[in-house]
């Protein structure tokens, strides 16, 4: 996995405890950067609950990303590695 190879924590969230629509994973860097990650296939569609949860997190100044490919994940990790 790209995140673990880059030294990030890659935390799987449980829908039962995180709540309906919350992203699947948390990507945590060693310099205080956290990104909520929703994993979807290239054809996957966000549910209404997911849209609401993502917007709620963004209103709270959190970063939320939908990751569809390994390339998407690599670009996110590369972005986080920048100062």
Protein backbone atom coordinates (compact mmCIF):
# COMPACT_ATOMS: atom_id res chain seq x y z
CA UNK A 1 0.00 0.00 0.00
CA UNK A 2 1.29 3.42 -1.00
CA UNK A 3 0.40 5.07 2.35
CA UNK A 4 2.19 2.53 4.53
CA UNK A 5 5.25 2.46 2.26
CA UNK A 6 5.46 6.23 2.67
CA UNK A 7 5.41 5.94 6.46
CA UNK A 8 1.85 7.10 7.05
CA UNK A 9 -0.70 5.55 9.36
CA UNK A 10 -3.56 4.11 7.31
CA UNK A 11 -6.48 3.61 9.69
CA UNK A 12 -9.58 1.69 8.68
CA UNK A 13 -12.78 3.16 10.12
CA UNK A 14 -15.78 1.06 11.10
CA UNK A 15 -19.15 2.29 9.79
CA UNK A 16 -20.83 1.11 12.99
CA UNK A 17 -18.71 3.40 15.14
CA UNK A 18 -17.83 6.19 12.68
CA UNK A 19 -21.40 6.72 11.49
CA UNK A 20 -23.26 6.47 8.21
CA UNK A 21 -21.49 8.10 5.30
CA UNK A 22 -18.20 8.70 7.06
CA UNK A 23 -15.09 8.03 4.95
CA UNK A 24 -13.49 4.56 4.95
CA UNK A 25 -9.99 5.50 6.11
CA UNK A 26 -7.85 8.09 7.84
CA UNK A 27 -4.43 8.90 6.42
CA UNK A 28 -2.21 10.31 9.18
CA UNK A 29 1.22 11.81 8.56
CA UNK A 30 4.02 12.21 11.07
CA UNK A 31 3.82 16.01 10.80
CA UNK A 32 0.22 16.48 11.89
CA UNK A 33 -1.55 16.22 8.54
CA UNK A 34 -4.73 14.12 8.47
CA UNK A 35 -6.87 13.30 5.43
CA UNK A 36 -10.19 11.47 5.50
CA UNK A 37 -10.21 9.05 2.53
CA UNK A 38 -13.20 7.54 0.79
CA UNK A 39 -12.25 4.52 -1.32
CA UNK A 40 -14.31 4.06 -4.47
CA UNK A 41 -13.92 2.14 -7.69
CA UNK A 42 -13.52 4.17 -10.87
CA UNK A 43 -17.28 3.83 -11.37
CA UNK A 44 -18.31 4.08 -7.73
CA UNK A 45 -20.84 6.74 -6.75
CA UNK A 46 -21.01 8.52 -3.40
CA UNK A 47 -24.25 7.99 -1.50
CA UNK A 48 -26.31 10.88 -0.17
CA UNK A 49 -25.06 10.05 3.34
CA UNK A 50 -21.45 10.15 2.12
CA UNK A 51 -21.95 13.55 0.46
CA UNK A 52 -23.43 14.91 3.69
CA UNK A 53 -20.67 13.47 5.88
CA UNK A 54 -17.92 14.77 3.58
CA UNK A 55 -19.44 18.26 3.50
CA UNK A 56 -19.79 18.24 7.30
CA UNK A 57 -16.11 17.38 7.66
CA UNK A 58 -15.10 20.06 5.15
CA UNK A 59 -17.16 22.68 7.01
CA UNK A 60 -15.05 21.75 10.04
CA UNK A 61 -11.89 22.46 8.00
CA UNK A 62 -10.97 18.81 7.47
CA UNK A 63 -9.58 17.52 4.20
CA UNK A 64 -11.62 14.76 2.52
CA UNK A 65 -10.49 12.96 -0.62
CA UNK A 66 -12.15 10.31 -2.79
CA UNK A 67 -9.49 7.82 -3.84
CA UNK A 68 -10.32 5.79 -6.95
CA UNK A 69 -6.95 4.51 -8.14
CA UNK A 70 -3.44 3.81 -6.91
CA UNK A 71 -2.38 6.88 -8.89
CA UNK A 72 -4.86 9.01 -6.88
CA UNK A 73 -3.33 7.69 -3.68
CA UNK A 74 0.21 8.35 -4.87
CA UNK A 75 -0.68 11.94 -5.81
CA UNK A 76 -2.19 12.49 -2.34
CA UNK A 77 0.91 11.11 -0.61
CA UNK A 78 3.17 13.22 -2.84
CA UNK A 79 1.13 16.32 -1.94
CA UNK A 80 1.41 15.58 1.79
CA UNK A 81 5.18 15.13 1.46
CA UNK A 82 5.56 18.73 0.31
CA UNK A 83 6.46 21.30 2.98
